[in-house]
Amino acid sequence: MWTPFNNFTFELGFHRNKNVIWIKFPISNEGIHHVKKIPQVKWSQSQKAWYVPDKQAFREIFKLPDSPIVGKIVLQKIHSINHSAFEAFQEELKLKAYSKNTQKLYSLEFAQFLSAIKNHPVEKFTPDRIRGYMLYLIQNQQISETHLNSRINAIKFYYEKVLKNDRFFVDIPRPKKKLLLPKVFSIEEVKSIIEKTENLKHRLLLKFGYGMGLRVSEIVKIKKNQIDFNRMQVLIEQGKGKKDRYVNLPYTLLADLTEYFKIYKTSVYLFEGSFGENYSIRSAQAVFYQAKKRAGVEKDVGIHGLRHSYATHLLEYGTDIRFIQELLGHQSIKTTMSYTHVSLRNKMTIKSPLDHL
């Protein structure tokens, strides 16, 4: 794991129209050799300093404050009359301990709304004006049902949680969501994707995704001490909805894990990046797409398809759907029931009338 020398300092800055982190230290051969070990590090001839892109992973390693939820460009689009409303909105999100992803999504959606209403005080808007705004989004901007629901959730949060207007949205209809079935791989396709992945670390990452039905955000956050080899379980801490749950560790992973720990001397996380931080979601997605390409699988399905395939194949093997719900961490059985529409179990016994002619 890369750690800075005591005489290294780090500063947030701006270079070539991009946010960067400057790395300052007394020039020495030892210091230069050490700084060159940082991925993506570059030398600025004009500033006579080393720097890296301003990313959250670097901020954590360099002990810098977290990146802001929204940038300056977004804030500049909000009229000053609504700045205090936006600040109160973000404070309430933090007080309710919403995840960073939810905070960012809600903040961006609410900021879009504030930008659209310009110099009109947001706290004085009525339900009728909100309805008119929703109609404008549908007719003029033609945003999707999912996007519109996200915008509604953010605006609803402000009026009902920040301003405490509990029944503000009672008469504002929501767009009907499309019924989309989970996209899954066949067992043969999953096997091919895994077998075509020669890198041990990458292959193990994919096996964790399919073998335990994990979200990619859960895979990259697994810590070594969360794997219980005695009980053959893995603790998934603070998954979606901030819930802990246990999943079963497949016995076929024991040999892979033994070999993996001999080669990769990770410190905290099972899958680590260059600095000992958890592996990034984007890197895990790239691993999957490369593996899918090598396997010649052309389905337009992302890494989340491994989780869908896990659930569908369990159902086809006869696993009780209530156990599948628990393993996946679904709050509602209705979510898990969607896999019954994809599973081939029992459907294969049904013959078309054409086969009887």
Protein backbone atom coordinates (compact mmCIF):
# COMPACT_ATOMS: atom_id res chain seq x y z
CA MET A 1 0.00 0.00 0.00
CA TRP A 2 1.40 3.44 -0.98
CA THR A 3 1.87 5.83 1.91
CA PRO A 4 3.36 9.34 1.70
CA PHE A 5 6.61 10.32 3.38
CA ASN A 6 6.32 12.69 6.34
CA ASN A 7 7.51 15.64 4.26
CA PHE A 8 4.82 15.20 1.59
CA THR A 9 1.98 17.75 1.51
CA PHE A 10 -1.15 17.81 -0.65
CA GLU A 11 -3.20 20.73 -1.95
CA LEU A 12 -6.42 20.95 -3.96
CA GLY A 13 -5.95 22.96 -7.14
CA PHE A 14 -6.88 23.60 -10.76
CA HIS A 15 -4.71 22.79 -13.77
CA ARG A 16 -5.49 22.74 -17.48
CA ASN A 17 -9.22 23.26 -16.83
CA LYS A 18 -9.40 20.30 -14.44
CA ASN A 19 -9.49 19.86 -10.68
CA VAL A 20 -6.26 18.30 -9.43
CA ILE A 21 -4.36 17.50 -6.24
CA TRP A 22 -0.86 18.97 -6.06
CA ILE A 23 1.82 16.83 -4.42
CA LYS A 24 4.52 18.92 -2.76
CA PHE A 25 7.79 17.67 -1.21
CA PRO A 26 11.45 18.66 -1.00
CA ILE A 27 13.06 17.53 -4.25
CA SER A 28 15.22 14.44 -3.81
CA ASN A 29 15.88 11.27 -5.79
CA GLU A 30 14.14 9.27 -3.07
CA GLY A 31 11.06 11.52 -3.13
CA ILE A 32 10.81 11.47 -6.93
CA HIS A 33 11.17 7.69 -7.00
CA HIS A 34 8.42 7.40 -4.38
CA VAL A 35 5.97 9.80 -6.04
CA LYS A 36 6.33 8.00 -9.38
CA LYS A 37 4.76 4.93 -7.79
CA ILE A 38 1.40 6.76 -7.67
CA PRO A 39 -0.88 5.73 -10.57
CA GLN A 40 -1.93 8.60 -12.89
CA VAL A 41 0.65 10.97 -11.38
CA LYS A 42 1.98 13.64 -13.77
CA TRP A 43 4.59 16.38 -13.76
CA SER A 44 3.57 19.96 -14.59
CA GLN A 45 6.43 21.79 -16.24
CA SER A 46 4.70 25.16 -15.86
CA GLN A 47 3.95 24.70 -12.13
CA LYS A 48 7.08 22.67 -11.36
CA ALA A 49 5.03 20.21 -9.34
CA TRP A 50 3.58 16.70 -9.43
CA TYR A 51 -0.19 16.20 -9.47
CA VAL A 52 -2.99 13.64 -9.79
CA PRO A 53 -6.67 13.99 -10.79
CA ASP A 54 -8.96 15.14 -8.00
CA LYS A 55 -10.64 11.82 -7.22
CA GLN A 56 -12.23 10.57 -4.01
CA ALA A 57 -9.76 7.66 -3.76
CA PHE A 58 -6.81 10.07 -3.77
CA ARG A 59 -8.52 12.35 -1.24
CA GLU A 60 -8.90 9.43 1.15
CA ILE A 61 -5.27 8.36 0.81
CA PHE A 62 -3.97 11.92 1.16
CA LYS A 63 -6.29 12.66 4.14
CA LEU A 64 -8.09 15.48 2.31
CA PRO A 65 -11.78 16.45 2.78
CA ASP A 66 -14.36 14.49 0.76
CA SER A 67 -15.33 15.81 -2.66
CA PRO A 68 -18.37 18.14 -2.57
CA ILE A 69 -21.70 16.53 -3.43
CA VAL A 70 -22.29 19.03 -6.25
CA GLY A 71 -19.81 21.24 -8.04
CA LYS A 72 -19.55 25.01 -8.46
CA ILE A 73 -21.08 24.92 -11.96
CA VAL A 74 -24.30 23.41 -10.59
CA LEU A 75 -24.49 25.95 -7.75
CA GLN A 76 -23.99 28.86 -10.16
CA LYS A 77 -27.21 27.92 -11.95
CA ILE A 78 -29.27 28.36 -8.77
CA HIS A 79 -30.57 31.87 -8.12
CA SER A 80 -29.30 33.43 -4.89
CA ILE A 81 -32.86 33.63 -3.55
CA ASN A 82 -32.90 29.81 -3.32
CA HIS A 83 -29.37 29.22 -2.03
CA SER A 84 -30.52 28.85 1.58
CA ALA A 85 -33.20 26.35 0.51
CA PHE A 86 -30.57 24.26 -1.25
CA GLU A 87 -28.29 24.35 1.81
CA ALA A 88 -31.18 23.29 4.08
CA PHE A 89 -31.97 20.49 1.62
CA GLN A 90 -28.40 19.13 1.77
CA GLU A 91 -28.23 19.44 5.55
CA GLU A 92 -31.42 17.39 5.93
CA LEU A 93 -30.02 14.67 3.66
CA LYS A 94 -26.93 14.43 5.87
CA LEU A 95 -28.94 14.46 9.10
CA LYS A 96 -31.03 11.54 7.85
CA ALA A 97 -27.77 9.71 6.98
CA TYR A 98 -28.66 9.08 3.37
CA SER A 99 -25.90 7.35 1.37
CA LYS A 100 -23.50 9.52 -0.61
CA ASN A 101 -24.98 8.25 -3.87
CA THR A 102 -28.50 9.20 -2.77
CA GLN A 103 -27.30 12.58 -1.52
CA LYS A 104 -25.66 13.27 -4.86
CA LEU A 105 -28.67 12.09 -6.91
CA TYR A 106 -31.22 14.05 -4.86
CA SER A 107 -29.02 17.17 -4.78
CA LEU A 108 -28.53 17.18 -8.54
CA GLU A 109 -32.24 16.63 -9.20
CA PHE A 110 -33.30 19.35 -6.76
CA ALA A 111 -30.68 21.70 -8.21
CA GLN A 112 -32.19 21.13 -11.68
CA PHE A 113 -35.59 22.11 -10.30
CA LEU A 114 -34.21 25.25 -8.60
CA SER A 115 -32.42 26.21 -11.80
CA ALA A 116 -35.67 25.88 -13.76
CA ILE A 117 -37.74 28.10 -11.44
CA LYS A 118 -35.07 30.87 -11.57
CA ASN A 119 -35.79 33.73 -9.14
CA HIS A 120 -39.06 32.34 -7.76
CA PRO A 121 -38.81 31.38 -4.04
CA VAL A 122 -39.10 27.60 -3.92
CA GLU A 123 -40.86 27.55 -0.52
CA LYS A 124 -43.78 29.49 -2.03
CA PHE A 125 -44.49 27.00 -4.81
CA THR A 126 -47.92 25.34 -4.73
CA PRO A 127 -48.85 21.76 -5.73
CA ASP A 128 -50.49 23.15 -8.89
CA ARG A 129 -47.23 24.79 -9.96
CA ILE A 130 -45.35 21.55 -9.25
CA ARG A 131 -47.85 19.69 -11.46
CA GLY A 132 -47.23 22.23 -14.20
CA TYR A 133 -43.49 21.70 -13.87
CA MET A 134 -43.90 17.90 -14.16
CA LEU A 135 -46.04 18.37 -17.25
CA TYR A 136 -43.33 20.60 -18.73
CA LEU A 137 -40.72 17.89 -18.14
CA ILE A 138 -42.87 15.28 -19.89
CA GLN A 139 -43.99 17.38 -22.85
CA ASN A 140 -40.95 19.59 -23.48
CA GLN A 141 -37.99 17.66 -22.15
CA GLN A 142 -39.44 14.17 -22.68
CA ILE A 143 -37.53 12.69 -19.75
CA SER A 144 -37.98 9.01 -18.94
CA GLU A 145 -40.31 7.66 -16.28
CA THR A 146 -37.37 6.63 -14.11
CA HIS A 147 -35.74 10.06 -14.36
CA LEU A 148 -39.04 11.81 -13.64
CA ASN A 149 -39.57 9.68 -10.55
CA SER A 150 -36.10 10.64 -9.31
CA ARG A 151 -36.91 14.32 -9.80
CA ILE A 152 -40.22 13.88 -7.95
CA ASN A 153 -38.49 12.08 -5.06
CA ALA A 154 -36.01 14.94 -4.63
CA ILE A 155 -38.66 17.67 -4.75
CA LYS A 156 -40.95 15.66 -2.47
CA PHE A 157 -38.09 15.32 0.02
CA TYR A 158 -37.72 19.10 0.21
CA TYR A 159 -41.39 19.92 0.74
CA GLU A 160 -42.20 17.04 3.08
CA LYS A 161 -38.94 16.55 5.02
CA VAL A 162 -37.38 20.01 5.01
CA LEU A 163 -40.51 22.20 5.08
CA LYS A 164 -42.58 19.52 6.90
CA ASN A 165 -45.54 19.82 4.49
CA ASP A 166 -46.55 16.17 4.94
CA ARG A 167 -49.41 16.06 2.43
CA PHE A 168 -47.91 18.33 -0.20
CA PHE A 169 -47.66 15.61 -2.86
CA VAL A 170 -50.97 13.84 -2.28
CA ASP A 171 -52.57 15.08 -5.51
CA ILE A 172 -49.46 14.92 -7.70
CA PRO A 173 -49.57 11.68 -9.75
CA ARG A 174 -46.46 9.63 -10.42
CA PRO A 175 -45.66 8.24 -13.87
CA LYS A 176 -46.26 4.52 -14.19
CA LYS A 177 -42.98 2.62 -14.25
CA LYS A 178 -42.19 0.25 -17.08
CA LEU A 179 -42.24 -3.42 -16.15
CA LEU A 180 -38.72 -4.50 -17.01
CA LEU A 181 -37.70 -8.11 -16.47
CA PRO A 182 -34.21 -8.96 -15.16
CA LYS A 183 -31.69 -9.72 -17.91
CA VAL A 184 -29.91 -13.00 -17.20
CA PHE A 185 -27.19 -15.25 -18.60
CA SER A 186 -27.53 -18.96 -19.15
CA ILE A 187 -25.40 -21.26 -16.98
CA GLU A 188 -23.21 -21.97 -20.03
CA GLU A 189 -22.65 -18.25 -20.62
CA VAL A 190 -21.67 -17.63 -16.99
CA LYS A 191 -19.27 -20.58 -17.12
CA SER A 192 -17.67 -19.28 -20.30
CA ILE A 193 -17.29 -15.73 -18.92
CA ILE A 194 -15.52 -17.06 -15.81
CA GLU A 195 -13.34 -19.58 -17.67
CA LYS A 196 -12.17 -16.97 -20.18
CA THR A 197 -10.84 -14.83 -17.31
CA GLU A 198 -7.27 -15.95 -16.67
CA ASN A 199 -6.31 -13.31 -14.10
CA LEU A 200 -6.92 -14.88 -10.67
CA LYS A 201 -8.05 -11.63 -9.03
CA HIS A 202 -10.51 -10.84 -11.83
CA ARG A 203 -11.83 -14.40 -11.98
CA LEU A 204 -12.42 -14.45 -8.22
CA LEU A 205 -14.23 -11.11 -8.42
CA LEU A 206 -16.64 -12.49 -11.02
CA LYS A 207 -17.13 -15.69 -9.03
CA PHE A 208 -18.09 -13.65 -5.96
CA GLY A 209 -20.64 -11.75 -8.04
CA TYR A 210 -22.32 -14.85 -9.46
CA GLY A 211 -21.64 -17.31 -6.63
CA MET A 212 -23.29 -15.13 -3.99
CA GLY A 213 -25.55 -12.85 -6.03
CA LEU A 214 -23.80 -9.67 -4.92
CA ARG A 215 -24.18 -6.14 -6.22
CA VAL A 216 -20.95 -4.76 -7.67
CA SER A 217 -20.93 -2.13 -4.91
CA GLU A 218 -20.96 -4.98 -2.37
CA ILE A 219 -18.23 -7.01 -4.07
CA VAL A 220 -15.68 -4.19 -3.96
CA LYS A 221 -16.43 -3.40 -0.29
CA ILE A 222 -15.89 -6.92 1.10
CA LYS A 223 -13.24 -6.94 3.83
CA LYS A 224 -11.05 -9.95 4.57
CA ASN A 225 -12.37 -10.19 8.14
CA GLN A 226 -15.95 -10.48 6.85
CA ILE A 227 -15.24 -13.94 5.42
CA ASP A 228 -16.10 -16.63 7.98
CA PHE A 229 -14.44 -19.86 6.81
CA ASN A 230 -15.76 -21.86 9.78
CA ARG A 231 -19.41 -21.11 9.02
CA MET A 232 -18.80 -20.72 5.26
CA GLN A 233 -20.49 -17.34 5.21
CA VAL A 234 -19.63 -13.80 4.17
CA LEU A 235 -20.99 -10.78 6.00
CA ILE A 236 -22.24 -8.07 3.63
CA GLU A 237 -22.06 -4.89 5.67
CA GLN A 238 -24.43 -2.01 5.03
CA GLY A 239 -25.76 -3.15 1.67
CA LYS A 240 -28.57 -1.37 -0.10
CA GLY A 241 -30.90 0.19 2.44
CA LYS A 242 -28.04 0.15 4.99
CA LYS A 243 -28.78 -3.44 5.95
CA ASP A 244 -26.33 -6.15 7.00
CA ARG A 245 -26.86 -9.70 5.78
CA TYR A 246 -25.02 -13.01 5.50
CA VAL A 247 -24.56 -14.90 2.25
CA ASN A 248 -23.27 -18.44 1.81
CA LEU A 249 -19.65 -18.87 0.71
CA PRO A 250 -19.49 -21.49 -2.07
CA TYR A 251 -17.13 -24.37 -1.24
CA THR A 252 -15.67 -24.17 -4.75
CA LEU A 253 -14.16 -20.78 -3.83
CA LEU A 254 -11.94 -22.16 -1.04
CA ALA A 255 -9.12 -23.25 -3.36
CA ASP A 256 -9.27 -19.95 -5.26
CA LEU A 257 -9.15 -17.92 -2.04
CA THR A 258 -6.20 -19.95 -0.70
CA GLU A 259 -4.22 -19.30 -3.88
CA TYR A 260 -5.34 -15.67 -3.97
CA PHE A 261 -4.11 -14.88 -0.46
CA LYS A 262 -0.70 -16.40 -1.29
CA ILE A 263 -0.26 -14.01 -4.24
CA TYR A 264 -2.13 -10.87 -3.15
CA LYS A 265 -1.10 -9.50 0.24
CA THR A 266 -4.13 -7.28 0.73
CA SER A 267 -4.43 -5.37 3.99
CA VAL A 268 -8.12 -4.61 4.62
CA TYR A 269 -10.28 -5.27 1.58
CA LEU A 270 -10.48 -8.53 -0.33
CA PHE A 271 -10.07 -6.66 -3.62
CA GLU A 272 -7.81 -3.64 -3.30
CA GLY A 273 -6.61 -0.88 -5.60
CA SER A 274 -3.13 0.59 -5.92
CA PHE A 275 -3.21 2.37 -2.54
CA GLY A 276 -4.88 -0.33 -0.45
CA GLU A 277 -8.29 1.29 -0.93
CA ASN A 278 -11.21 -0.87 -2.03
CA TYR A 279 -11.32 -1.79 -5.72
CA SER A 280 -13.39 0.71 -7.68
CA ILE A 281 -16.79 -0.14 -9.14
CA ARG A 282 -15.65 1.12 -12.53
CA SER A 283 -12.66 -1.25 -12.50
CA ALA A 284 -14.89 -4.19 -11.59
CA GLN A 285 -17.27 -3.31 -14.44
CA ALA A 286 -14.33 -3.12 -16.86
CA VAL A 287 -13.18 -6.59 -15.74
CA PHE A 288 -16.64 -7.97 -16.47
CA TYR A 289 -17.02 -6.39 -19.92
CA GLN A 290 -13.59 -7.63 -20.98
CA ALA A 291 -14.45 -11.14 -19.79
CA LYS A 292 -17.81 -11.08 -21.58
CA LYS A 293 -16.10 -9.98 -24.79
CA ARG A 294 -13.51 -12.76 -24.57
CA ALA A 295 -16.31 -15.29 -24.00
CA GLY A 296 -18.12 -14.08 -27.11
CA VAL A 297 -21.31 -13.31 -25.14
CA GLU A 298 -23.14 -10.58 -27.02
CA LYS A 299 -26.06 -9.98 -24.66
CA ASP A 300 -26.41 -6.32 -23.69
CA VAL A 301 -26.17 -7.08 -19.98
CA GLY A 302 -23.85 -5.53 -17.39
CA ILE A 303 -22.14 -7.04 -14.37
CA HIS A 304 -25.44 -6.82 -12.44
CA GLY A 305 -26.59 -9.61 -14.76
CA LEU A 306 -24.49 -12.03 -12.68
CA ARG A 307 -26.66 -11.22 -9.65
CA HIS A 308 -29.84 -11.66 -11.70
CA SER A 309 -28.50 -14.96 -13.05
CA TYR A 310 -27.67 -16.18 -9.53
CA ALA A 311 -31.25 -15.58 -8.39
CA THR A 312 -32.82 -17.07 -11.52
CA HIS A 313 -30.65 -20.20 -11.44
CA LEU A 314 -31.36 -20.72 -7.72
CA LEU A 315 -35.06 -20.58 -8.52
CA GLU A 316 -34.62 -23.10 -11.32
CA TYR A 317 -32.76 -25.41 -8.93
CA GLY A 318 -35.84 -25.37 -6.68
CA THR A 319 -34.69 -22.95 -3.95
CA ASP A 320 -37.53 -21.42 -1.93
CA ILE A 321 -38.07 -17.86 -3.10
CA ARG A 322 -38.18 -16.61 0.51
CA PHE A 323 -34.58 -17.79 0.99
CA ILE A 324 -33.58 -16.11 -2.27
CA GLN A 325 -35.14 -12.88 -1.02
CA GLU A 326 -33.05 -13.08 2.16
CA LEU A 327 -29.82 -13.88 0.32
CA LEU A 328 -30.31 -11.00 -2.12
CA GLY A 329 -31.22 -8.57 0.65
CA HIS A 330 -34.54 -7.57 -0.90
CA GLN A 331 -36.84 -5.67 1.43
CA SER A 332 -39.98 -6.78 -0.44
CA ILE A 333 -40.80 -10.24 -1.78
CA LYS A 334 -42.35 -8.48 -4.79
CA THR A 335 -38.87 -7.55 -5.99
CA THR A 336 -37.71 -11.17 -5.78
CA MET A 337 -40.88 -12.40 -7.52
CA SER A 338 -39.73 -10.74 -10.74
CA TYR A 339 -37.36 -13.69 -11.25
CA THR A 340 -40.32 -16.06 -11.55
CA HIS A 341 -41.09 -14.36 -14.89
CA VAL A 342 -37.59 -15.19 -16.17
CA SER A 343 -37.05 -18.66 -14.71
CA LEU A 344 -37.48 -21.64 -17.04
CA ARG A 345 -38.55 -23.84 -14.13
CA ASN A 346 -41.85 -25.59 -14.94
CA LYS A 347 -42.19 -23.56 -18.16
CA MET A 348 -40.09 -26.15 -20.00
CA THR A 349 -42.75 -28.78 -19.26
CA ILE A 350 -45.34 -26.73 -21.14
CA LYS A 351 -45.70 -27.74 -24.76
CA SER A 352 -46.96 -25.44 -27.45
CA PRO A 353 -50.14 -26.59 -29.24
CA LEU A 354 -47.98 -26.61 -32.37
CA ASP A 355 -45.96 -29.52 -30.93
CA HIS A 356 -49.18 -31.55 -30.65
CA LEU A 357 -50.15 -31.24 -34.32
